[in-house]
C-alpha atoms as a PDB file:
ATOM      1  CA  MET A   1      -8.309   6.761 -14.068  1.00  0.00           C
ATOM      2  CA  ARG A   2      -9.520   5.310 -10.773  1.00  0.00           C
ATOM      3  CA  ILE A   3      -6.805   3.211  -9.101  1.00  0.00           C
ATOM      4  CA  ALA A   4      -7.929   1.176  -6.105  1.00  0.00           C
ATOM      5  CA  THR A   5      -6.508  -1.265  -3.589  1.00  0.00           C
ATOM      6  CA  TRP A   6      -8.243  -3.735  -1.296  1.00  0.00           C
ATOM      7  CA  ASN A   7      -7.072  -6.486   1.017  1.00  0.00           C
ATOM      8  CA  VAL A   8     -10.002  -8.866   0.606  1.00  0.00           C
ATOM      9  CA  ASN A   9      -8.843 -11.415   3.205  1.00  0.00           C
ATOM     10  CA  SER A  10      -9.723 -14.400   0.999  1.00  0.00           C
ATOM     11  CA  LEU A  11     -11.103 -13.761  -2.458  1.00  0.00           C
ATOM     12  CA  LYS A  12     -13.021 -17.040  -2.400  1.00  0.00           C
ATOM     13  CA  ALA A  13     -14.906 -15.862   0.691  1.00  0.00           C
ATOM     14  CA  ARG A  14     -15.360 -12.248  -0.462  1.00  0.00           C
ATOM     15  CA  ILE A  15     -15.963 -12.543  -4.198  1.00  0.00           C
ATOM     16  CA  ALA A  16     -19.529 -11.246  -3.778  1.00  0.00           C
ATOM     17  CA  TRP A  17     -18.216  -8.069  -2.144  1.00  0.00           C
ATOM     18  CA  VAL A  18     -15.632  -7.528  -4.855  1.00  0.00           C
ATOM     19  CA  GLU A  19     -18.124  -7.988  -7.672  1.00  0.00           C
ATOM     20  CA  GLU A  20     -20.613  -5.681  -5.980  1.00  0.00           C
ATOM     21  CA  TRP A  21     -17.966  -3.048  -5.288  1.00  0.00           C
ATOM     22  CA  ILE A  22     -16.690  -3.144  -8.866  1.00  0.00           C
ATOM     23  CA  GLY A  23     -20.276  -2.625  -9.973  1.00  0.00           C
ATOM     24  CA  TYR A  24     -20.798   0.619  -8.092  1.00  0.00           C
ATOM     25  CA  ALA A  25     -17.267   2.009  -7.592  1.00  0.00           C
ATOM     26  CA  SER A  26     -16.192   1.259 -11.163  1.00  0.00           C
ATOM     27  CA  PRO A  27     -12.395   1.199 -10.681  1.00  0.00           C
ATOM     28  CA  ASP A  28     -10.224   1.223 -13.777  1.00  0.00           C
ATOM     29  CA  VAL A  29      -7.501  -0.653 -11.916  1.00  0.00           C
ATOM     30  CA  LEU A  30      -8.008  -2.705  -8.767  1.00  0.00           C
ATOM     31  CA  CYS A  31      -5.163  -4.178  -6.736  1.00  0.00           C
ATOM     32  CA  LEU A  32      -6.074  -7.063  -4.446  1.00  0.00           C
ATOM     33  CA  GLN A  33      -4.188  -8.560  -1.525  1.00  0.00           C
ATOM     34  CA  GLU A  34      -4.638 -11.715   0.543  1.00  0.00           C
ATOM     35  CA  THR A  35      -6.484 -13.518  -2.209  1.00  0.00           C
ATOM     36  CA  LYS A  36      -5.382 -16.805  -0.586  1.00  0.00           C
ATOM     37  CA  LEU A  37      -5.733 -18.564  -3.946  1.00  0.00           C
ATOM     38  CA  SER A  38      -3.433 -20.375  -6.312  1.00  0.00           C
ATOM     39  CA  ASP A  39      -2.995 -18.961  -9.795  1.00  0.00           C
ATOM     40  CA  ALA A  40      -5.018 -21.879 -11.157  1.00  0.00           C
ATOM     41  CA  ALA A  41      -7.925 -21.142  -8.798  1.00  0.00           C
ATOM     42  CA  PHE A  42      -8.003 -17.388  -9.418  1.00  0.00           C
ATOM     43  CA  PRO A  43     -11.400 -16.418 -10.963  1.00  0.00           C
ATOM     44  CA  ALA A  44      -9.978 -14.686 -14.024  1.00  0.00           C
ATOM     45  CA  PHE A  45     -13.030 -15.554 -16.136  1.00  0.00           C
ATOM     46  CA  ALA A  46     -15.399 -13.932 -13.631  1.00  0.00           C
ATOM     47  CA  PHE A  47     -13.412 -10.710 -13.790  1.00  0.00           C
ATOM     48  CA  SER A  48     -13.117 -10.957 -17.559  1.00  0.00           C
ATOM     49  CA  SER A  49     -16.911 -11.043 -17.786  1.00  0.00           C
ATOM     50  CA  LEU A  50     -16.883  -7.705 -15.915  1.00  0.00           C
ATOM     51  CA  GLY A  51     -14.433  -6.238 -18.424  1.00  0.00           C
ATOM     52  CA  TYR A  52     -11.156  -6.719 -16.532  1.00  0.00           C
ATOM     53  CA  GLU A  53      -7.920  -8.364 -17.528  1.00  0.00           C
ATOM     54  CA  SER A  54      -6.071  -9.794 -14.554  1.00  0.00           C
ATOM     55  CA  ALA A  55      -2.664 -10.839 -13.296  1.00  0.00           C
ATOM     56  CA  HIS A  56      -2.369 -12.930 -10.134  1.00  0.00           C
ATOM     57  CA  HIS A  57       0.470 -14.216  -7.993  1.00  0.00           C
ATOM     58  CA  GLY A  58      -0.517 -16.809  -5.411  1.00  0.00           C
ATOM     59  CA  ASP A  59       0.220 -20.332  -4.228  1.00  0.00           C
ATOM     60  CA  GLY A  60      -3.136 -21.183  -2.666  1.00  0.00           C
ATOM     61  CA  ARG A  61      -2.165 -20.910   0.983  1.00  0.00           C
ATOM     62  CA  TRP A  62      -1.748 -17.434   2.468  1.00  0.00           C
ATOM     63  CA  ASN A  63      -0.962 -14.103   0.875  1.00  0.00           C
ATOM     64  CA  GLY A  64      -1.707 -13.792  -2.842  1.00  0.00           C
ATOM     65  CA  VAL A  65      -1.890 -10.546  -4.827  1.00  0.00           C
ATOM     66  CA  ALA A  66      -3.559  -9.440  -8.049  1.00  0.00           C
ATOM     67  CA  VAL A  67      -3.994  -6.548 -10.459  1.00  0.00           C
ATOM     68  CA  LEU A  68      -7.275  -6.161 -12.355  1.00  0.00           C
ATOM     69  CA  SER A  69      -7.458  -3.643 -15.198  1.00  0.00           C
ATOM     70  CA  ARG A  70      -9.977  -2.505 -17.770  1.00  0.00           C
ATOM     71  CA  VAL A  71      -7.478  -0.079 -19.367  1.00  0.00           C
ATOM     72  CA  GLY A  72      -4.971  -2.655 -20.564  1.00  0.00           C
ATOM     73  CA  LEU A  73      -2.570  -4.961 -18.748  1.00  0.00           C
ATOM     74  CA  ALA A  74       0.960  -5.631 -19.965  1.00  0.00           C
ATOM     75  CA  ASP A  75       4.492  -6.511 -18.859  1.00  0.00           C
ATOM     76  CA  VAL A  76       3.458  -8.523 -15.821  1.00  0.00           C
ATOM     77  CA  GLU A  77       6.115  -9.154 -13.160  1.00  0.00           C
ATOM     78  CA  ARG A  78       5.690 -11.382 -10.128  1.00  0.00           C
ATOM     79  CA  GLY A  79       7.719 -11.200  -6.940  1.00  0.00           C
ATOM     80  CA  LEU A  80      10.728  -9.151  -5.902  1.00  0.00           C
ATOM     81  CA  GLY A  81      13.304 -11.483  -7.369  1.00  0.00           C
ATOM     82  CA  SER A  82      15.059 -11.569  -3.986  1.00  0.00           C
ATOM     83  CA  LYS A  83      15.261 -13.795  -0.932  1.00  0.00           C
ATOM     84  CA  SER A  84      12.210 -12.042   0.504  1.00  0.00           C
ATOM     85  CA  ASP A  85      10.128 -13.973  -2.026  1.00  0.00           C
ATOM     86  CA  SER A  86      10.458 -16.870   0.426  1.00  0.00           C
ATOM     87  CA  LEU A  87       7.931 -14.960   2.566  1.00  0.00           C
ATOM     88  CA  GLY A  88       5.209 -15.797   0.057  1.00  0.00           C
ATOM     89  CA  CYS A  89       3.471 -14.327  -2.959  1.00  0.00           C
ATOM     90  CA  ARG A  90       3.423 -10.650  -2.018  1.00  0.00           C
ATOM     91  CA  LEU A  91       3.952  -8.585  -5.152  1.00  0.00           C
ATOM     92  CA  VAL A  92       2.670  -8.416  -8.710  1.00  0.00           C
ATOM     93  CA  ALA A  93       3.094  -5.528 -11.146  1.00  0.00           C
ATOM     94  CA  ALA A  94       1.658  -4.622 -14.548  1.00  0.00           C
ATOM     95  CA  THR A  95       1.397  -1.624 -16.843  1.00  0.00           C
ATOM     96  CA  CYS A  96      -2.200  -0.392 -17.006  1.00  0.00           C
ATOM     97  CA  GLY A  97      -3.160   2.534 -19.216  1.00  0.00           C
ATOM     98  CA  GLY A  98       0.385   3.886 -19.169  1.00  0.00           C
ATOM     99  CA  VAL A  99       0.777   3.591 -15.386  1.00  0.00           C
ATOM    100  CA  ARG A 100       3.041   1.022 -13.772  1.00  0.00           C
ATOM    101  CA  VAL A 101       0.822  -0.430 -11.047  1.00  0.00           C
ATOM    102  CA  ILE A 102       2.253  -2.580  -8.251  1.00  0.00           C
ATOM    103  CA  SER A 103       0.028  -4.577  -5.899  1.00  0.00           C
ATOM    104  CA  ALA A 104       1.919  -5.337  -2.693  1.00  0.00           C
ATOM    105  CA  TYR A 105       1.182  -7.122   0.568  1.00  0.00           C
ATOM    106  CA  ALA A 106       3.777  -6.462   3.251  1.00  0.00           C
ATOM    107  CA  PRO A 107       4.500  -9.051   5.952  1.00  0.00           C
ATOM    108  CA  ASN A 108       2.674  -8.524   9.232  1.00  0.00           C
ATOM    109  CA  GLY A 109       5.733  -8.702  11.473  1.00  0.00           C
ATOM    110  CA  ARG A 110       3.768 -10.358  14.298  1.00  0.00           C
ATOM    111  CA  GLU A 111       5.789  -9.051  17.257  1.00  0.00           C
ATOM    112  CA  VAL A 112       8.381  -6.287  17.547  1.00  0.00           C
ATOM    113  CA  GLY A 113      11.852  -7.804  17.738  1.00  0.00           C
ATOM    114  CA  SER A 114      10.840 -11.237  16.439  1.00  0.00           C
ATOM    115  CA  GLU A 115      12.378 -12.918  13.409  1.00  0.00           C
ATOM    116  CA  HIS A 116       9.161 -12.123  11.532  1.00  0.00           C
ATOM    117  CA  TYR A 117       9.551  -8.446  12.398  1.00  0.00           C
ATOM    118  CA  HIS A 118      13.114  -8.330  11.091  1.00  0.00           C
ATOM    119  CA  ALA A 119      12.015 -10.177   7.947  1.00  0.00           C
ATOM    120  CA  LYS A 120       9.379  -7.478   7.441  1.00  0.00           C
ATOM    121  CA  LEU A 121      11.992  -4.723   7.644  1.00  0.00           C
ATOM    122  CA  GLU A 122      14.191  -6.602   5.184  1.00  0.00           C
ATOM    123  CA  TRP A 123      11.221  -7.000   2.822  1.00  0.00           C
ATOM    124  CA  PHE A 124      10.757  -3.219   2.799  1.00  0.00           C
ATOM    125  CA  ALA A 125      14.455  -2.666   2.091  1.00  0.00           C
ATOM    126  CA  GLU A 126      14.345  -5.132  -0.792  1.00  0.00           C
ATOM    127  CA  LEU A 127      11.180  -3.520  -2.151  1.00  0.00           C
ATOM    128  CA  ARG A 128      12.953  -0.167  -2.186  1.00  0.00           C
ATOM    129  CA  ASP A 129      15.916  -1.727  -4.014  1.00  0.00           C
ATOM    130  CA  HIS A 130      13.474  -3.344  -6.430  1.00  0.00           C
ATOM    131  CA  LEU A 131      11.917   0.032  -7.262  1.00  0.00           C
ATOM    132  CA  ALA A 132      15.319   1.685  -7.634  1.00  0.00           C
ATOM    133  CA  SER A 133      16.561  -1.018 -10.004  1.00  0.00           C
ATOM    134  CA  ARG A 134      13.483  -1.204 -12.252  1.00  0.00           C
ATOM    135  CA  TYR A 135      11.613   2.074 -12.224  1.00  0.00           C
ATOM    136  CA  ASP A 136      12.117   5.782 -12.705  1.00  0.00           C
ATOM    137  CA  PRO A 137      10.730   7.972  -9.900  1.00  0.00           C
ATOM    138  CA  GLY A 138      10.007  10.572 -12.585  1.00  0.00           C
ATOM    139  CA  GLY A 139       7.683   8.138 -14.349  1.00  0.00           C
ATOM    140  CA  MET A 140       4.086   7.089 -13.764  1.00  0.00           C
ATOM    141  CA  VAL A 141       4.210   4.588 -10.889  1.00  0.00           C
ATOM    142  CA  ALA A 142       1.581   3.563  -8.323  1.00  0.00           C
ATOM    143  CA  LEU A 143       2.455   1.263  -5.439  1.00  0.00           C
ATOM    144  CA  CYS A 144      -0.795   0.056  -3.903  1.00  0.00           C
ATOM    145  CA  GLY A 145      -1.565  -2.354  -1.136  1.00  0.00           C
ATOM    146  CA  ASP A 146      -1.721  -3.437   2.441  1.00  0.00           C
ATOM    147  CA  LEU A 147       1.676  -2.276   3.640  1.00  0.00           C
ATOM    148  CA  ASN A 148       0.968  -3.186   7.261  1.00  0.00           C
ATOM    149  CA  VAL A 149       2.388   0.090   8.578  1.00  0.00           C
ATOM    150  CA  ALA A 150       0.413   3.060   9.903  1.00  0.00           C
ATOM    151  CA  PRO A 151       2.585   5.952   8.684  1.00  0.00           C
ATOM    152  CA  ALA A 152       2.010   8.252  11.677  1.00  0.00           C
ATOM    153  CA  ASP A 153       0.098   8.519  14.944  1.00  0.00           C
ATOM    154  CA  ILE A 154      -2.742  10.258  13.121  1.00  0.00           C
ATOM    155  CA  ASP A 155      -3.296   6.974  11.273  1.00  0.00           C
ATOM    156  CA  VAL A 156      -4.288   4.969  14.374  1.00  0.00           C
ATOM    157  CA  TRP A 157      -7.223   5.265  16.738  1.00  0.00           C
ATOM    158  CA  ASP A 158      -5.081   5.427  19.919  1.00  0.00           C
ATOM    159  CA  PRO A 159      -1.269   5.661  19.702  1.00  0.00           C
ATOM    160  CA  GLY A 160      -0.950   4.956  23.408  1.00  0.00           C
ATOM    161  CA  ALA A 161      -2.966   1.757  23.249  1.00  0.00           C
ATOM    162  CA  LEU A 162      -0.834   0.474  20.359  1.00  0.00           C
ATOM    163  CA  SER A 163       2.558   1.520  21.718  1.00  0.00           C
ATOM    164  CA  GLY A 164       5.086  -1.302  21.432  1.00  0.00           C
ATOM    165  CA  SER A 165       3.090  -3.128  18.764  1.00  0.00           C
ATOM    166  CA  THR A 166       3.905  -3.867  15.183  1.00  0.00           C
ATOM    167  CA  HIS A 167       2.565  -1.540  12.478  1.00  0.00           C
ATOM    168  CA  VAL A 168       3.463   1.561  14.520  1.00  0.00           C
ATOM    169  CA  SER A 169       7.086   1.011  15.587  1.00  0.00           C
ATOM    170  CA  ASP A 170       9.748   3.566  14.691  1.00  0.00           C
ATOM    171  CA  ALA A 171      11.669   1.067  12.562  1.00  0.00           C
ATOM    172  CA  GLU A 172       8.627   0.128  10.486  1.00  0.00           C
ATOM    173  CA  ARG A 173       7.702   3.755   9.931  1.00  0.00           C
ATOM    174  CA  LEU A 174      11.261   4.532   8.943  1.00  0.00           C
ATOM    175  CA  ALA A 175      11.236   1.639   6.467  1.00  0.00           C
ATOM    176  CA  LEU A 176       8.063   3.039   4.904  1.00  0.00           C
ATOM    177  CA  ALA A 177       9.506   6.571   4.860  1.00  0.00           C
ATOM    178  CA  GLU A 178      12.638   5.310   3.097  1.00  0.00           C
ATOM    179  CA  LEU A 179      10.441   3.625   0.516  1.00  0.00           C
ATOM    180  CA  GLU A 180       8.612   6.896  -0.071  1.00  0.00           C
ATOM    181  CA  ALA A 181      11.926   8.763  -0.214  1.00  0.00           C
ATOM    182  CA  TRP A 182      12.687   6.880  -3.422  1.00  0.00           C
ATOM    183  CA  GLY A 183      10.034   9.101  -4.979  1.00  0.00           C
ATOM    184  CA  LEU A 184       6.539   8.179  -3.800  1.00  0.00           C
ATOM    185  CA  GLU A 185       3.818  10.276  -2.184  1.00  0.00           C
ATOM    186  CA  ASP A 186       0.950   9.271   0.093  1.00  0.00           C
ATOM    187  CA  VAL A 187      -1.785  10.847  -2.013  1.00  0.00           C
ATOM    188  CA  PHE A 188      -4.671  10.081   0.323  1.00  0.00           C
ATOM    189  CA  ARG A 189      -3.006  11.759   3.290  1.00  0.00           C
ATOM    190  CA  GLN A 190      -2.121  14.785   1.163  1.00  0.00           C
ATOM    191  CA  GLN A 191      -5.781  15.227   0.313  1.00  0.00           C
ATOM    192  CA  HIS A 192      -7.129  14.286   3.741  1.00  0.00           C
ATOM    193  CA  PRO A 193      -5.035  15.739   6.594  1.00  0.00           C
ATOM    194  CA  GLU A 194      -7.772  15.135   9.150  1.00  0.00           C
ATOM    195  CA  PRO A 195      -7.617  12.346  11.803  1.00  0.00           C
ATOM    196  CA  GLY A 196     -10.007   9.439  12.199  1.00  0.00           C
ATOM    197  CA  LEU A 197      -9.612   7.957   8.709  1.00  0.00           C
ATOM    198  CA  TYR A 198      -8.764   4.256   8.732  1.00  0.00           C
ATOM    199  CA  SER A 199      -8.748   1.320   6.320  1.00  0.00           C
ATOM    200  CA  TRP A 200      -8.549  -1.639   8.728  1.00  0.00           C
ATOM    201  CA  TRP A 201     -10.525  -2.571  11.814  1.00  0.00           C
ATOM    202  CA  ASP A 202     -10.026  -5.693  13.924  1.00  0.00           C
ATOM    203  CA  TYR A 203     -12.882  -8.193  13.917  1.00  0.00           C
ATOM    204  CA  ARG A 204     -12.701  -8.361  17.719  1.00  0.00           C
ATOM    205  CA  ASP A 205     -14.281  -6.167  20.403  1.00  0.00           C
ATOM    206  CA  GLY A 206     -16.574  -4.343  17.991  1.00  0.00           C
ATOM    207  CA  ALA A 207     -13.610  -2.363  16.683  1.00  0.00           C
ATOM    208  CA  PHE A 208     -15.336  -1.323  13.463  1.00  0.00           C
ATOM    209  CA  HIS A 209     -18.439   0.036  15.137  1.00  0.00           C
ATOM    210  CA  ARG A 210     -16.300   1.737  17.801  1.00  0.00           C
ATOM    211  CA  HIS A 211     -14.120   3.133  15.014  1.00  0.00           C
ATOM    212  CA  ARG A 212     -10.915   1.732  16.455  1.00  0.00           C
ATOM    213  CA  GLY A 213      -8.871   1.257  13.313  1.00  0.00           C
ATOM    214  CA  MET A 214      -5.620   1.897  11.501  1.00  0.00           C
ATOM    215  CA  ARG A 215      -4.760   3.266   8.072  1.00  0.00           C
ATOM    216  CA  ILE A 216      -2.427   0.628   6.677  1.00  0.00           C
ATOM    217  CA  ASP A 217      -3.764   0.278   3.098  1.00  0.00           C
ATOM    218  CA  LEU A 218      -1.959   2.862   0.998  1.00  0.00           C
ATOM    219  CA  VAL A 219      -1.816   4.218  -2.540  1.00  0.00           C
ATOM    220  CA  LEU A 220       1.668   5.648  -3.007  1.00  0.00           C
ATOM    221  CA  MET A 221       2.276   7.445  -6.288  1.00  0.00           C
ATOM    222  CA  SER A 222       5.326   8.852  -8.006  1.00  0.00           C
ATOM    223  CA  ARG A 223       5.367  12.645  -7.974  1.00  0.00           C
ATOM    224  CA  ALA A 224       4.509  12.844 -11.661  1.00  0.00           C
ATOM    225  CA  LEU A 225       1.362  10.807 -11.026  1.00  0.00           C
ATOM    226  CA  ALA A 226       0.519  12.255  -7.597  1.00  0.00           C
ATOM    227  CA  GLY A 227       0.396  15.711  -9.136  1.00  0.00           C
ATOM    228  CA  ARG A 228      -2.489  14.503 -11.301  1.00  0.00           C
ATOM    229  CA  ALA A 229      -4.565  13.164  -8.381  1.00  0.00           C
ATOM    230  CA  ARG A 230      -8.014  14.731  -8.090  1.00  0.00           C
ATOM    231  CA  PHE A 231      -9.941  12.689  -5.523  1.00  0.00           C
ATOM    232  CA  SER A 232      -9.370   9.906  -3.003  1.00  0.00           C
ATOM    233  CA  LEU A 233     -11.511   7.900  -0.613  1.00  0.00           C
ATOM    234  CA  VAL A 234     -11.555   5.042   1.878  1.00  0.00           C
ATOM    235  CA  ASP A 235     -14.853   3.310   1.147  1.00  0.00           C
ATOM    236  CA  ARG A 236     -15.870   2.440   4.695  1.00  0.00           C
ATOM    237  CA  ASN A 237     -19.245   1.131   3.516  1.00  0.00           C
ATOM    238  CA  ALA A 238     -17.524  -1.859   1.906  1.00  0.00           C
ATOM    239  CA  ARG A 239     -16.401  -2.970   5.381  1.00  0.00           C
ATOM    240  CA  LYS A 240     -20.019  -3.508   6.393  1.00  0.00           C
ATOM    241  CA  ALA A 241     -21.626  -6.942   6.346  1.00  0.00           C
ATOM    242  CA  LEU A 242     -23.829  -8.281   3.572  1.00  0.00           C
ATOM    243  CA  GLY A 243     -26.608  -9.932   5.539  1.00  0.00           C
ATOM    244  CA  GLU A 244     -25.125 -12.605   7.802  1.00  0.00           C
ATOM    245  CA  ALA A 245     -21.859 -12.890   5.892  1.00  0.00           C
ATOM    246  CA  LYS A 246     -18.652 -11.406   7.274  1.00  0.00           C
ATOM    247  CA  PRO A 247     -16.764  -8.787   5.218  1.00  0.00           C
ATOM    248  CA  SER A 248     -13.024  -8.367   4.934  1.00  0.00           C
ATOM    249  CA  ASP A 249     -11.467  -6.554   7.869  1.00  0.00           C
ATOM    250  CA  HIS A 250     -10.113  -3.991   5.359  1.00  0.00           C
ATOM    251  CA  ALA A 251     -11.900  -1.360   3.287  1.00  0.00           C
ATOM    252  CA  PRO A 252     -10.956  -0.449  -0.286  1.00  0.00           C
ATOM    253  CA  VAL A 253      -9.009   2.746  -0.926  1.00  0.00           C
ATOM    254  CA  PHE A 254      -8.974   4.545  -4.271  1.00  0.00           C
ATOM    255  CA  VAL A 255      -7.443   7.568  -5.949  1.00  0.00           C
ATOM    256  CA  ASP A 256      -8.696   9.260  -9.115  1.00  0.00           C
ATOM    257  CA  VAL A 257      -5.974  10.672 -11.390  1.00  0.00           C
ATOM    258  CA  ASP A 258      -5.946  12.472 -14.731  1.00  0.00           C
ATOM    259  CA  VAL A 259      -3.752  10.510 -17.124  1.00  0.00           C
END
């Protein structure tokens, strides 16, 4: 089973990329973030014509998350069921081919020490509580998405240049580590210990072409599922432009597992 995640930074603007990528990457499950669509506007029929059932959680402004599956989709849950849901539509979960798949979009945090930063840390704490209250770490669970945290210095192009910024602060990394401590493993990093592998590049200053990025899009799997992982990839080619059109600033990440 190929499980993928991609922050598309507006599905309406990037639908051509998603359809093309589905055509050649052939994911069994695809988690999307930043769809920026309402549930009513989500193109479920377009994905159905490609063989995918879908579950979406969005209000048509910012955020918005989805799970697409061609291996079944059941028991859909939307949101954390906590006060952090006031931060927008950031989580949707479904059971796909026997795996509980969660598509998540963490808050950005904006600036270290700001109210948005503290709300981000609280969101992570409530996500961990959500996992602990609903799931078994010994089961088949995949938490996928733009978690807006680079787990370690190896996951950014220049730790010194980013010092003091969000995404790399000690508190954010600790919040992510505590989430993983519940029973999740960063499968991509296990398979790829080398530096220079990123999933997001700023639109400004030619960051993509200068390879100044961060790895903030993660596929975290329970140990039972991570032990079945066989291959993983950040598809950097999907970050490239199609003609004159602008791509998402994120690239898709996928993991292949035997289930």
